[in-house]
Amino acid sequence: MTKIRWGVVGPGAIAAGFAEAMQLADGGEIVAVASRSQERAEAFGDRFGIPGRYGDHAALAADPDVDVVYVATPQSEHEAFTLASLRAGKHVLCEKPFALNAAQARRMAAEAQARGLFLMEAIWSRFLPAYRSLTEIIAAGRIGEPLQVRADFGFPMPADPEHRLFRPDLGGGALLDLGIYPVQLCHMVLGIPERVVAHGVIGETGVDEQVAAVLRHPDDRLGVVTTGLRASTDCTACISGAAGWIDLPAFMHCPQALTVTTPAGSETIDASHEGNGMQFEIDEVHRCLAEGLTESPTMPLADTIAIAETLDAIGAQIHPAAEG
């Protein structure tokens, strides 16, 4: 495929950012958009010059001009729309959190693997220049073996029972939507945790509004994660090793720079970029498809499932009646 043709499901704010980023990505274009509301599909199509506008997902999945579907709906619909797209023969980029739980994530991955189609969770952080630099710094041994990760991401919001973050039926709460960023950083740097200890505060609508967790990783390494919808937090992260540390300033999921501190001193590395940054994950999809890959080496499905398992483990301790 010389030009990757995208369909977007769920024309909300994140999809608008995706459409803006597509203008900076190489080799792709959005050719269709689907929403349960034909009016919303038309408005999104008008805004971004998209020719195909559908009032339901099935019509978009059946469109022969669509190569890849970007699923940007609330997470409660991720599994259904991803499976339907894969069964229609489409590759899929699914927004984070990939699914409501690990069981859904495994089903989605199995479907893609059985059909030989590309599937990736849209954890855009991993493709940003700052995270690329972070990976290179750790691999070069500049801070020694990473031993601890402290990561926070949260912000206060009015407790609106109609907002998706406060609706249990839409997979609301801080953990899945915001906490995934600190959790995925711990996974990326320290590997899969062996044990999780977590506490949380459940709000009036039944979603988690504050969460703190300690992840024990192999070889006595620790991750400390905080997230929430009540407090104004610093939204930073720090990766510590025996020979130094790396600071990710706010916002830790999309920093424009990072600082490496060792006995030799501190160095700030510029990681600024054009646009909102979503173009880098789009470029990764294009690269993988061009090379015939069905998974991204940077964000493989095994990582996605492992992250979902950790989120399940945290969720089970803060929502005692939650199903994994």
Protein backbone atom coordinates (compact mmCIF):
# COMPACT_ATOMS: atom_id res chain seq x y z
CA MET A 1 0.00 0.00 0.00
CA THR A 2 1.47 3.29 -1.11
CA LYS A 3 -1.16 5.40 0.65
CA ILE A 4 -2.68 4.09 3.88
CA ARG A 5 -6.38 4.87 4.01
CA TRP A 6 -7.85 5.33 7.48
CA GLY A 7 -11.34 5.14 8.90
CA VAL A 8 -12.08 6.80 12.25
CA VAL A 9 -14.69 5.46 14.66
CA GLY A 10 -15.83 7.90 17.33
CA PRO A 11 -15.39 11.54 16.20
CA GLY A 12 -14.62 13.03 19.62
CA ALA A 13 -11.78 15.18 20.91
CA ILE A 14 -9.09 12.49 20.69
CA ALA A 15 -10.12 11.71 17.12
CA ALA A 16 -9.84 15.41 16.26
CA GLY A 17 -6.26 15.37 17.56
CA PHE A 18 -5.62 12.27 15.49
CA ALA A 19 -6.97 13.97 12.35
CA GLU A 20 -4.77 17.02 12.98
CA ALA A 21 -1.73 14.77 13.43
CA MET A 22 -2.47 12.90 10.19
CA GLN A 23 -1.52 16.07 8.34
CA LEU A 24 2.04 15.68 9.69
CA ALA A 25 2.29 11.92 9.18
CA ASP A 26 3.77 10.39 6.07
CA GLY A 27 1.75 8.26 3.68
CA GLY A 28 -1.73 8.31 5.15
CA GLU A 29 -5.12 9.95 4.83
CA ILE A 30 -8.50 9.66 6.55
CA VAL A 31 -11.13 8.60 4.05
CA ALA A 32 -14.07 7.76 6.32
CA VAL A 33 -15.54 8.54 9.73
CA ALA A 34 -18.31 6.76 11.64
CA SER A 35 -20.48 7.80 14.54
CA ARG A 36 -23.82 6.68 15.94
CA SER A 37 -24.92 10.18 14.99
CA GLN A 38 -24.89 10.89 11.26
CA GLU A 39 -24.87 14.58 12.14
CA ARG A 40 -21.63 14.21 14.14
CA ALA A 41 -20.05 12.19 11.34
CA GLU A 42 -20.99 14.89 8.84
CA ALA A 43 -19.59 17.65 11.06
CA PHE A 44 -16.30 15.81 11.56
CA GLY A 45 -16.10 15.07 7.85
CA ASP A 46 -16.67 18.72 7.00
CA ARG A 47 -14.05 19.85 9.51
CA PHE A 48 -11.31 17.58 8.20
CA GLY A 49 -12.32 17.09 4.57
CA ILE A 50 -13.22 13.41 4.93
CA PRO A 51 -15.37 12.06 2.09
CA GLY A 52 -16.95 9.00 3.74
CA ARG A 53 -19.41 9.75 6.56
CA TYR A 54 -21.34 6.91 8.22
CA GLY A 55 -23.99 6.76 10.90
CA ASP A 56 -22.85 3.36 12.11
CA HIS A 57 -19.59 1.45 12.46
CA ALA A 58 -20.64 -1.52 10.34
CA ALA A 59 -20.88 0.65 7.24
CA LEU A 60 -17.37 1.98 7.77
CA ALA A 61 -16.00 -1.53 8.39
CA ALA A 62 -17.55 -2.62 5.10
CA ASP A 63 -16.04 0.27 3.13
CA PRO A 64 -13.52 -1.25 0.68
CA ASP A 65 -11.57 2.02 0.61
CA VAL A 66 -10.59 1.73 4.31
CA ASP A 67 -7.33 -0.09 5.14
CA VAL A 68 -6.99 0.72 8.85
CA VAL A 69 -9.59 1.60 11.48
CA TYR A 70 -8.75 3.96 14.33
CA VAL A 71 -11.05 3.15 17.26
CA ALA A 72 -11.48 6.33 19.33
CA THR A 73 -14.70 5.56 21.19
CA PRO A 74 -15.06 5.24 24.99
CA GLN A 75 -13.21 2.13 26.20
CA SER A 76 -16.45 0.31 26.91
CA GLU A 77 -16.79 -0.10 23.12
CA HIS A 78 -13.19 -0.88 22.22
CA GLU A 79 -13.53 -4.65 22.14
CA ALA A 80 -16.71 -4.71 20.05
CA PHE A 81 -15.52 -2.20 17.47
CA THR A 82 -12.03 -3.71 17.23
CA LEU A 83 -13.35 -7.24 16.74
CA ALA A 84 -15.87 -6.07 14.15
CA SER A 85 -13.16 -4.19 12.24
CA LEU A 86 -10.79 -7.15 12.28
CA ARG A 87 -13.56 -9.49 11.12
CA ALA A 88 -14.16 -7.12 8.23
CA GLY A 89 -10.51 -7.52 7.24
CA LYS A 90 -9.27 -4.17 8.53
CA HIS A 91 -6.08 -3.43 10.45
CA VAL A 92 -6.76 -1.60 13.73
CA LEU A 93 -5.20 1.07 15.92
CA CYS A 94 -7.23 1.08 19.15
CA GLU A 95 -7.06 3.95 21.62
CA LYS A 96 -5.84 3.37 25.13
CA PRO A 97 -6.91 1.81 27.38
CA PHE A 98 -7.05 -1.02 24.86
CA ALA A 99 -9.88 -2.77 26.71
CA LEU A 100 -11.76 -2.82 29.99
CA ASN A 101 -9.77 -5.81 31.20
CA ALA A 102 -7.16 -8.37 30.17
CA ALA A 103 -9.75 -10.95 29.08
CA GLN A 104 -11.03 -8.53 26.43
CA ALA A 105 -7.48 -7.64 25.41
CA ARG A 106 -6.63 -11.33 24.89
CA ARG A 107 -9.69 -11.84 22.70
CA MET A 108 -8.82 -8.83 20.58
CA ALA A 109 -5.20 -9.93 20.17
CA ALA A 110 -6.21 -13.49 19.33
CA GLU A 111 -8.59 -12.28 16.62
CA ALA A 112 -5.90 -10.15 14.96
CA GLN A 113 -3.33 -12.94 15.15
CA ALA A 114 -5.75 -15.50 13.71
CA ARG A 115 -6.48 -13.22 10.77
CA GLY A 116 -2.92 -12.02 10.20
CA LEU A 117 -3.94 -8.39 10.66
CA PHE A 118 -2.12 -5.52 12.32
CA LEU A 119 -3.35 -4.46 15.76
CA MET A 120 -1.82 -1.96 18.19
CA GLU A 121 -2.84 -0.08 21.31
CA ALA A 122 -2.48 3.66 20.78
CA ILE A 123 -0.16 4.42 23.70
CA TRP A 124 1.27 7.39 21.86
CA SER A 125 3.81 8.15 24.60
CA ARG A 126 6.09 5.31 23.51
CA PHE A 127 6.60 6.87 20.09
CA LEU A 128 7.33 10.43 21.18
CA PRO A 129 10.89 11.79 20.91
CA ALA A 130 11.19 11.99 24.72
CA TYR A 131 10.37 8.32 25.18
CA ARG A 132 12.69 7.34 22.36
CA SER A 133 15.46 9.27 24.12
CA LEU A 134 14.53 7.68 27.43
CA THR A 135 14.91 4.21 25.94
CA GLU A 136 18.29 5.10 24.42
CA ILE A 137 19.62 6.59 27.67
CA ILE A 138 18.68 3.51 29.67
CA ALA A 139 20.09 1.17 27.03
CA ALA A 140 23.38 3.10 27.08
CA GLY A 141 23.66 2.48 30.83
CA ARG A 142 23.94 6.15 31.76
CA ILE A 143 22.00 5.72 35.02
CA GLY A 144 22.99 2.10 35.57
CA GLU A 145 20.34 -0.59 35.96
CA PRO A 146 16.93 1.05 36.53
CA LEU A 147 15.74 0.18 40.02
CA GLN A 148 12.79 2.45 40.70
CA VAL A 149 10.13 4.29 38.73
CA ARG A 150 7.93 6.91 40.34
CA ALA A 151 5.19 8.17 38.05
CA ASP A 152 2.09 10.31 38.56
CA PHE A 153 -0.65 11.49 36.25
CA GLY A 154 -3.87 13.08 37.39
CA PHE A 155 -5.87 16.28 37.58
CA PRO A 156 -8.99 17.54 39.36
CA MET A 157 -12.31 17.40 37.57
CA PRO A 158 -15.85 18.34 38.63
CA ALA A 159 -17.71 15.15 39.50
CA ASP A 160 -20.15 15.28 36.59
CA PRO A 161 -22.13 12.00 36.52
CA GLU A 162 -22.70 12.43 32.77
CA HIS A 163 -19.01 12.81 31.90
CA ARG A 164 -17.43 9.61 30.59
CA LEU A 165 -14.74 9.62 33.31
CA PHE A 166 -17.45 9.39 35.99
CA ARG A 167 -19.61 6.77 34.24
CA PRO A 168 -18.95 3.14 35.23
CA ASP A 169 -20.85 1.94 32.15
CA LEU A 170 -18.26 3.67 29.92
CA GLY A 171 -15.25 2.32 31.81
CA GLY A 172 -14.77 5.57 33.70
CA GLY A 173 -12.42 6.30 36.56
CA ALA A 174 -8.86 7.53 36.89
CA LEU A 175 -7.13 4.16 36.70
CA LEU A 176 -7.96 3.04 33.16
CA ASP A 177 -7.95 6.43 31.51
CA LEU A 178 -5.07 8.21 33.30
CA GLY A 179 -3.29 5.61 35.42
CA ILE A 180 -2.40 3.60 32.35
CA TYR A 181 0.34 6.14 31.56
CA PRO A 182 2.33 5.64 34.78
CA VAL A 183 1.66 1.88 34.68
CA GLN A 184 2.88 1.49 31.11
CA LEU A 185 6.05 3.45 31.98
CA CYS A 186 6.79 1.02 34.81
CA HIS A 187 6.28 -1.89 32.41
CA MET A 188 8.46 -0.30 29.74
CA VAL A 189 11.37 0.33 32.12
CA LEU A 190 11.10 -2.46 34.71
CA GLY A 191 9.19 -5.26 33.01
CA ILE A 192 6.07 -7.09 34.19
CA PRO A 193 5.42 -6.72 37.93
CA GLU A 194 5.31 -9.82 40.08
CA ARG A 195 3.08 -8.30 42.75
CA VAL A 196 0.78 -5.31 43.10
CA VAL A 197 -0.42 -3.53 46.24
CA ALA A 198 -3.02 -0.81 45.69
CA HIS A 199 -5.44 1.48 47.49
CA GLY A 200 -8.09 3.71 46.03
CA VAL A 201 -10.96 6.07 46.74
CA ILE A 202 -14.29 5.35 45.06
CA GLY A 203 -16.50 8.34 44.32
CA GLU A 204 -20.25 8.78 44.44
CA THR A 205 -20.76 7.54 40.89
CA GLY A 206 -18.86 4.32 41.60
CA VAL A 207 -15.64 5.05 39.73
CA ASP A 208 -12.15 5.28 41.22
CA GLU A 209 -11.25 8.92 41.83
CA GLN A 210 -7.89 8.43 43.56
CA VAL A 211 -5.46 5.51 43.19
CA ALA A 212 -2.03 4.71 44.57
CA ALA A 213 -0.16 1.48 43.79
CA VAL A 214 3.22 -0.08 44.40
CA LEU A 215 4.42 -2.54 41.77
CA ARG A 216 7.10 -5.05 42.70
CA HIS A 217 9.04 -5.97 39.57
CA PRO A 218 11.66 -8.74 39.08
CA ASP A 219 15.06 -8.34 40.74
CA ASP A 220 13.76 -6.21 43.62
CA ARG A 221 12.79 -3.28 41.44
CA LEU A 222 9.84 -1.05 42.38
CA GLY A 223 7.30 1.09 40.59
CA VAL A 224 5.22 3.66 42.47
CA VAL A 225 2.13 4.87 40.63
CA THR A 226 -0.41 7.56 41.54
CA THR A 227 -3.38 8.87 39.58
CA GLY A 228 -6.64 10.61 40.28
CA LEU A 229 -9.47 12.94 39.39
CA ARG A 230 -9.53 14.96 42.62
CA ALA A 231 -6.07 16.37 43.34
CA SER A 232 -3.84 18.71 41.38
CA THR A 233 -0.72 16.56 41.06
CA ASP A 234 2.69 17.22 39.53
CA CYS A 235 2.20 14.77 36.62
CA THR A 236 5.91 13.96 36.53
CA ALA A 237 7.97 10.78 36.52
CA CYS A 238 11.44 9.78 37.66
CA ILE A 239 13.45 6.70 36.69
CA SER A 240 16.23 5.97 39.20
CA GLY A 241 19.25 3.73 38.83
CA ALA A 242 22.39 3.08 40.84
CA ALA A 243 24.33 5.68 38.81
CA GLY A 244 21.77 8.44 38.36
CA TRP A 245 18.22 9.28 37.44
CA ILE A 246 16.04 10.58 34.61
CA ASP A 247 13.33 13.17 35.22
CA LEU A 248 10.28 13.41 32.96
CA PRO A 249 8.64 16.80 33.61
CA ALA A 250 4.94 17.50 33.32
CA PHE A 251 3.25 16.12 31.52
CA MET A 252 5.03 12.81 31.98
CA HIS A 253 3.07 11.10 29.22
CA CYS A 254 4.11 13.68 26.61
CA PRO A 255 7.14 15.68 27.88
CA GLN A 256 8.94 18.13 25.65
CA ALA A 257 12.27 17.45 27.37
CA LEU A 258 13.91 15.17 29.92
CA THR A 259 16.81 15.61 32.33
CA VAL A 260 19.53 13.06 33.05
CA THR A 261 21.43 13.46 36.32
CA THR A 262 24.61 11.53 37.10
CA PRO A 263 27.69 12.21 39.26
CA ALA A 264 29.06 14.12 36.25
CA GLY A 265 26.17 16.59 36.39
CA SER A 266 22.78 17.18 34.81
CA GLU A 267 21.90 17.32 31.15
CA THR A 268 18.56 18.45 29.74
CA ILE A 269 17.65 16.82 26.44
CA ASP A 270 15.32 18.67 24.12
CA ALA A 271 12.47 16.47 22.91
CA SER A 272 10.23 19.11 21.40
CA HIS A 273 8.43 18.41 18.17
CA GLU A 274 5.97 19.84 15.70
CA GLY A 275 2.28 19.20 16.20
CA ASN A 276 0.47 17.37 18.99
CA GLY A 277 2.70 14.28 18.79
CA MET A 278 0.13 11.74 17.64
CA GLN A 279 1.78 11.64 14.23
CA PHE A 280 4.55 9.44 15.61
CA GLU A 281 2.21 6.55 16.40
CA ILE A 282 0.60 6.99 12.99
CA ASP A 283 4.04 6.78 11.39
CA GLU A 284 4.66 3.57 13.34
CA VAL A 285 1.49 1.98 11.95
CA HIS A 286 2.49 2.98 8.43
CA ARG A 287 6.01 1.61 8.94
CA CYS A 288 4.75 -1.70 10.29
CA LEU A 289 2.28 -2.14 7.45
CA ALA A 290 4.94 -1.31 4.87
CA GLU A 291 7.17 -4.00 6.41
CA GLY A 292 4.39 -6.55 6.61
CA LEU A 293 4.34 -6.58 10.42
CA THR A 294 1.19 -7.44 12.36
CA GLU A 295 2.49 -5.94 15.63
CA SER A 296 4.64 -2.99 16.61
CA PRO A 297 7.96 -3.96 18.22
CA THR A 298 7.64 -0.82 20.36
CA MET A 299 4.08 -1.54 21.53
CA PRO A 300 3.54 -5.30 21.00
CA LEU A 301 0.33 -7.05 21.97
CA ALA A 302 2.09 -8.97 24.74
CA ASP A 303 2.86 -5.63 26.41
CA THR A 304 -0.72 -4.48 25.97
CA ILE A 305 -2.06 -7.64 27.60
CA ALA A 306 0.47 -7.46 30.44
CA ILE A 307 -0.46 -3.83 31.14
CA ALA A 308 -4.13 -4.80 31.16
CA GLU A 309 -3.33 -7.55 33.67
CA THR A 310 -1.62 -5.04 35.96
CA LEU A 311 -4.57 -2.67 35.68
CA ASP A 312 -6.84 -5.62 36.52
CA ALA A 313 -4.73 -6.41 39.59
CA ILE A 314 -4.91 -2.80 40.79
CA GLY A 315 -8.61 -2.58 39.99
CA ALA A 316 -9.40 -5.76 41.90
CA GLN A 317 -7.94 -4.23 45.07
CA ILE A 318 -9.72 -0.90 44.79
CA HIS A 319 -12.98 -2.34 43.39
CA PRO A 320 -13.41 -5.57 45.41
CA ALA A 321 -16.39 -6.66 43.31
CA ALA A 322 -14.68 -5.98 39.96
CA GLU A 323 -14.32 -8.78 37.46
CA GLY A 324 -10.91 -9.35 35.85
